[in-house]
Amino acid sequence: MSHKLGMEGKLFRNAGTYGTPDWKEMKNVKDLTLTLEKGEADLTTRGNAGWKATVGTLKEGSIEFEMVWDTEDEGFTALQNAWFGDTPVEMAVMDGPITASGSQGLRATMSVISFSRKEPLEEAMTASISIKPTYAEHAPEWMKVV
């Protein structure tokens, strides 16, 4: 039996091209949630003996996480600039190092949807960030390192 701890997960930003990626680990990341869902289509018929029948349709993905508000952090600044500039950024959210055999996760060109600042009185200032796949040359993919 194998398991992974949350602290083993990694978030990466591609500073290169799709074909020749230059993955930069985003170390200034706190709690992260990868949400993968599908829309639903109802296929219920009279032949289902009183049961609803559903099939998954379009896939959706989002990554929500927090970063310490650090304007000297390269990854933080890249996401802040992407939000203000309405520019996409390619990301990979992995369950381990992006070069380690067996690591896997979502790779996609993302749009920064939310970039909110929290200012708790007795804690560090943080950014709450939400990113989602956007219109791009390459569709999102589930990446597995061989």
C-alpha atoms as a PDB file:
ATOM      1  CA  MET A   1       0.000   0.000   0.000  1.00  0.00           C
ATOM      2  CA  SER A   2       1.291   3.433  -0.929  1.00  0.00           C
ATOM      3  CA  HIS A   3       0.256   6.899   0.118  1.00  0.00           C
ATOM      4  CA  LYS A   4       1.251  10.533  -0.464  1.00  0.00           C
ATOM      5  CA  LEU A   5       1.259  13.385   2.017  1.00  0.00           C
ATOM      6  CA  GLY A   6       0.040  16.815   0.981  1.00  0.00           C
ATOM      7  CA  MET A   7       3.465  18.302   1.606  1.00  0.00           C
ATOM      8  CA  GLU A   8       4.884  15.988  -1.098  1.00  0.00           C
ATOM      9  CA  GLY A   9       2.760  17.628  -3.796  1.00  0.00           C
ATOM     10  CA  LYS A  10       4.376  20.159  -6.107  1.00  0.00           C
ATOM     11  CA  LEU A  11       3.155  23.050  -8.235  1.00  0.00           C
ATOM     12  CA  PHE A  12       5.222  24.031 -11.272  1.00  0.00           C
ATOM     13  CA  ARG A  13       5.181  26.942 -13.721  1.00  0.00           C
ATOM     14  CA  ASN A  14       6.588  26.488 -17.219  1.00  0.00           C
ATOM     15  CA  ALA A  15       9.079  29.262 -18.012  1.00  0.00           C
ATOM     16  CA  GLY A  16       9.899  27.638 -21.377  1.00  0.00           C
ATOM     17  CA  THR A  17       7.763  26.457 -24.277  1.00  0.00           C
ATOM     18  CA  TYR A  18       5.282  23.609 -24.437  1.00  0.00           C
ATOM     19  CA  GLY A  19       7.693  21.438 -26.442  1.00  0.00           C
ATOM     20  CA  THR A  20      10.739  22.366 -24.359  1.00  0.00           C
ATOM     21  CA  PRO A  21       9.403  23.070 -20.876  1.00  0.00           C
ATOM     22  CA  ASP A  22      11.494  24.771 -18.199  1.00  0.00           C
ATOM     23  CA  TRP A  23       9.593  23.776 -15.068  1.00  0.00           C
ATOM     24  CA  LYS A  24      10.053  26.121 -12.096  1.00  0.00           C
ATOM     25  CA  GLU A  25       8.824  24.757  -8.778  1.00  0.00           C
ATOM     26  CA  MET A  26       6.516  27.152  -6.943  1.00  0.00           C
ATOM     27  CA  LYS A  27       7.848  26.685  -3.402  1.00  0.00           C
ATOM     28  CA  ASN A  28       5.880  29.591  -1.922  1.00  0.00           C
ATOM     29  CA  VAL A  29       2.656  27.565  -1.986  1.00  0.00           C
ATOM     30  CA  LYS A  30       0.607  26.665   1.069  1.00  0.00           C
ATOM     31  CA  ASP A  31      -2.558  24.578   1.011  1.00  0.00           C
ATOM     32  CA  LEU A  32      -3.552  23.558  -2.522  1.00  0.00           C
ATOM     33  CA  THR A  33      -6.675  21.925  -3.925  1.00  0.00           C
ATOM     34  CA  LEU A  34      -6.909  20.362  -7.379  1.00  0.00           C
ATOM     35  CA  THR A  35     -10.561  20.009  -8.370  1.00  0.00           C
ATOM     36  CA  LEU A  36     -11.479  17.785 -11.311  1.00  0.00           C
ATOM     37  CA  GLU A  37     -15.153  17.494 -12.256  1.00  0.00           C
ATOM     38  CA  LYS A  38     -17.414  16.757 -15.211  1.00  0.00           C
ATOM     39  CA  GLY A  39     -20.672  18.239 -16.339  1.00  0.00           C
ATOM     40  CA  GLU A  40     -23.629  15.873 -16.500  1.00  0.00           C
ATOM     41  CA  ALA A  41     -26.118  14.839 -19.156  1.00  0.00           C
ATOM     42  CA  ASP A  42     -29.357  13.116 -18.189  1.00  0.00           C
ATOM     43  CA  LEU A  43     -29.970   9.876 -20.132  1.00  0.00           C
ATOM     44  CA  THR A  44     -32.932   8.712 -18.082  1.00  0.00           C
ATOM     45  CA  THR A  45     -35.491   6.633 -19.962  1.00  0.00           C
ATOM     46  CA  ARG A  46     -38.539   4.619 -19.040  1.00  0.00           C
ATOM     47  CA  GLY A  47     -36.385   1.528 -19.499  1.00  0.00           C
ATOM     48  CA  ASN A  48     -34.214   2.433 -16.477  1.00  0.00           C
ATOM     49  CA  ALA A  49     -36.737   0.902 -14.048  1.00  0.00           C
ATOM     50  CA  GLY A  50     -37.190   4.127 -12.104  1.00  0.00           C
ATOM     51  CA  TRP A  51     -33.480   4.975 -11.935  1.00  0.00           C
ATOM     52  CA  LYS A  52     -31.955   8.179 -13.295  1.00  0.00           C
ATOM     53  CA  ALA A  53     -29.171   7.577 -15.820  1.00  0.00           C
ATOM     54  CA  THR A  54     -26.326  10.078 -16.059  1.00  0.00           C
ATOM     55  CA  VAL A  55     -23.226  10.349 -18.216  1.00  0.00           C
ATOM     56  CA  GLY A  56     -20.282  12.690 -17.715  1.00  0.00           C
ATOM     57  CA  THR A  57     -19.793  15.422 -20.315  1.00  0.00           C
ATOM     58  CA  LEU A  58     -17.237  18.231 -20.414  1.00  0.00           C
ATOM     59  CA  LYS A  59     -14.354  18.060 -17.962  1.00  0.00           C
ATOM     60  CA  GLU A  60     -13.560  20.976 -15.663  1.00  0.00           C
ATOM     61  CA  GLY A  61     -10.467  21.648 -13.622  1.00  0.00           C
ATOM     62  CA  SER A  62      -9.293  24.246 -11.172  1.00  0.00           C
ATOM     63  CA  ILE A  63      -6.390  24.745  -8.810  1.00  0.00           C
ATOM     64  CA  GLU A  64      -6.867  26.844  -5.685  1.00  0.00           C
ATOM     65  CA  PHE A  65      -3.971  27.652  -3.395  1.00  0.00           C
ATOM     66  CA  GLU A  66      -2.411  30.246  -1.122  1.00  0.00           C
ATOM     67  CA  MET A  67       0.966  31.923  -1.354  1.00  0.00           C
ATOM     68  CA  VAL A  68       2.752  34.176   1.107  1.00  0.00           C
ATOM     69  CA  TRP A  69       2.490  37.744  -0.244  1.00  0.00           C
ATOM     70  CA  ASP A  70       6.102  38.056  -1.441  1.00  0.00           C
ATOM     71  CA  THR A  71       6.606  40.444  -4.348  1.00  0.00           C
ATOM     72  CA  GLU A  72      10.232  39.300  -4.688  1.00  0.00           C
ATOM     73  CA  ASP A  73       9.196  35.672  -5.302  1.00  0.00           C
ATOM     74  CA  GLU A  74       9.470  34.897  -9.039  1.00  0.00           C
ATOM     75  CA  GLY A  75       6.458  32.577  -9.156  1.00  0.00           C
ATOM     76  CA  PHE A  76       4.271  34.963  -7.151  1.00  0.00           C
ATOM     77  CA  THR A  77       5.167  37.828  -9.492  1.00  0.00           C
ATOM     78  CA  ALA A  78       4.512  35.697 -12.590  1.00  0.00           C
ATOM     79  CA  LEU A  79       0.986  34.872 -11.400  1.00  0.00           C
ATOM     80  CA  GLN A  80       0.304  38.449 -10.313  1.00  0.00           C
ATOM     81  CA  ASN A  81       1.423  39.693 -13.738  1.00  0.00           C
ATOM     82  CA  ALA A  82      -0.692  37.028 -15.459  1.00  0.00           C
ATOM     83  CA  TRP A  83      -3.767  38.216 -13.529  1.00  0.00           C
ATOM     84  CA  PHE A  84      -3.220  41.910 -14.262  1.00  0.00           C
ATOM     85  CA  GLY A  85      -2.121  41.288 -17.865  1.00  0.00           C
ATOM     86  CA  ASP A  86      -4.798  38.724 -18.722  1.00  0.00           C
ATOM     87  CA  THR A  87      -2.066  36.401 -19.985  1.00  0.00           C
ATOM     88  CA  PRO A  88      -2.070  32.601 -19.746  1.00  0.00           C
ATOM     89  CA  VAL A  89       0.528  30.620 -17.838  1.00  0.00           C
ATOM     90  CA  GLU A  90       1.296  26.923 -18.234  1.00  0.00           C
ATOM     91  CA  MET A  91       1.205  25.021 -14.964  1.00  0.00           C
ATOM     92  CA  ALA A  92       1.562  21.461 -13.715  1.00  0.00           C
ATOM     93  CA  VAL A  93       0.215  20.297 -10.361  1.00  0.00           C
ATOM     94  CA  MET A  94       1.991  17.045  -9.521  1.00  0.00           C
ATOM     95  CA  ASP A  95       1.995  14.518  -6.688  1.00  0.00           C
ATOM     96  CA  GLY A  96       5.803  14.607  -6.575  1.00  0.00           C
ATOM     97  CA  PRO A  97       8.858  16.011  -8.389  1.00  0.00           C
ATOM     98  CA  ILE A  98       8.166  16.643 -12.084  1.00  0.00           C
ATOM     99  CA  THR A  99      11.225  14.629 -13.109  1.00  0.00           C
ATOM    100  CA  ALA A 100      10.612  11.657 -10.775  1.00  0.00           C
ATOM    101  CA  SER A 101       9.375   8.454 -12.369  1.00  0.00           C
ATOM    102  CA  GLY A 102       5.810   7.767 -11.266  1.00  0.00           C
ATOM    103  CA  SER A 103       4.860  11.395 -10.534  1.00  0.00           C
ATOM    104  CA  GLN A 104       1.582  12.459 -12.078  1.00  0.00           C
ATOM    105  CA  GLY A 105      -0.778  15.381 -12.253  1.00  0.00           C
ATOM    106  CA  LEU A 106      -2.588  17.922 -14.394  1.00  0.00           C
ATOM    107  CA  ARG A 107      -0.656  19.939 -16.984  1.00  0.00           C
ATOM    108  CA  ALA A 108      -2.544  22.821 -18.581  1.00  0.00           C
ATOM    109  CA  THR A 109      -2.327  26.353 -19.869  1.00  0.00           C
ATOM    110  CA  MET A 110      -4.168  28.317 -17.217  1.00  0.00           C
ATOM    111  CA  SER A 111      -5.863  31.633 -16.718  1.00  0.00           C
ATOM    112  CA  VAL A 112      -5.489  33.299 -13.315  1.00  0.00           C
ATOM    113  CA  ILE A 113      -9.121  33.762 -12.298  1.00  0.00           C
ATOM    114  CA  SER A 114      -8.697  35.033  -8.751  1.00  0.00           C
ATOM    115  CA  PHE A 115      -5.793  36.789  -7.034  1.00  0.00           C
ATOM    116  CA  SER A 116      -7.094  37.976  -3.661  1.00  0.00           C
ATOM    117  CA  ARG A 117      -5.084  39.278  -0.712  1.00  0.00           C
ATOM    118  CA  LYS A 118      -5.734  38.250   2.891  1.00  0.00           C
ATOM    119  CA  GLU A 119      -4.427  40.370   5.757  1.00  0.00           C
ATOM    120  CA  PRO A 120      -5.027  38.500   9.037  1.00  0.00           C
ATOM    121  CA  LEU A 121      -3.996  40.510  12.074  1.00  0.00           C
ATOM    122  CA  GLU A 122      -1.581  37.933  13.542  1.00  0.00           C
ATOM    123  CA  GLU A 123      -0.528  36.005  10.451  1.00  0.00           C
ATOM    124  CA  ALA A 124       1.453  36.606   7.276  1.00  0.00           C
ATOM    125  CA  MET A 125      -0.248  38.435   4.440  1.00  0.00           C
ATOM    126  CA  THR A 126      -1.219  35.886   1.774  1.00  0.00           C
ATOM    127  CA  ALA A 127      -2.652  35.690  -1.723  1.00  0.00           C
ATOM    128  CA  SER A 128      -5.536  33.305  -2.416  1.00  0.00           C
ATOM    129  CA  ILE A 129      -5.204  32.245  -6.040  1.00  0.00           C
ATOM    130  CA  SER A 130      -7.501  30.314  -8.364  1.00  0.00           C
ATOM    131  CA  ILE A 131      -6.392  29.183 -11.821  1.00  0.00           C
ATOM    132  CA  LYS A 132      -8.352  27.302 -14.503  1.00  0.00           C
ATOM    133  CA  PRO A 133      -7.559  25.851 -17.927  1.00  0.00           C
ATOM    134  CA  THR A 134      -7.972  28.378 -20.731  1.00  0.00           C
ATOM    135  CA  TYR A 135      -8.193  28.430 -24.506  1.00  0.00           C
ATOM    136  CA  ALA A 136      -4.802  27.261 -25.768  1.00  0.00           C
ATOM    137  CA  GLU A 137      -3.030  25.348 -28.521  1.00  0.00           C
ATOM    138  CA  HIS A 138      -2.682  22.288 -26.271  1.00  0.00           C
ATOM    139  CA  ALA A 139      -5.586  20.805 -24.323  1.00  0.00           C
ATOM    140  CA  PRO A 140      -5.129  20.017 -20.628  1.00  0.00           C
ATOM    141  CA  GLU A 141      -3.604  16.590 -20.033  1.00  0.00           C
ATOM    142  CA  TRP A 142      -3.002  14.157 -17.217  1.00  0.00           C
ATOM    143  CA  MET A 143       0.787  13.938 -17.179  1.00  0.00           C
ATOM    144  CA  LYS A 144       2.623  10.825 -15.954  1.00  0.00           C
ATOM    145  CA  VAL A 145       6.404  10.831 -15.643  1.00  0.00           C
ATOM    146  CA  VAL A 146       7.864   7.614 -17.012  1.00  0.00           C
END
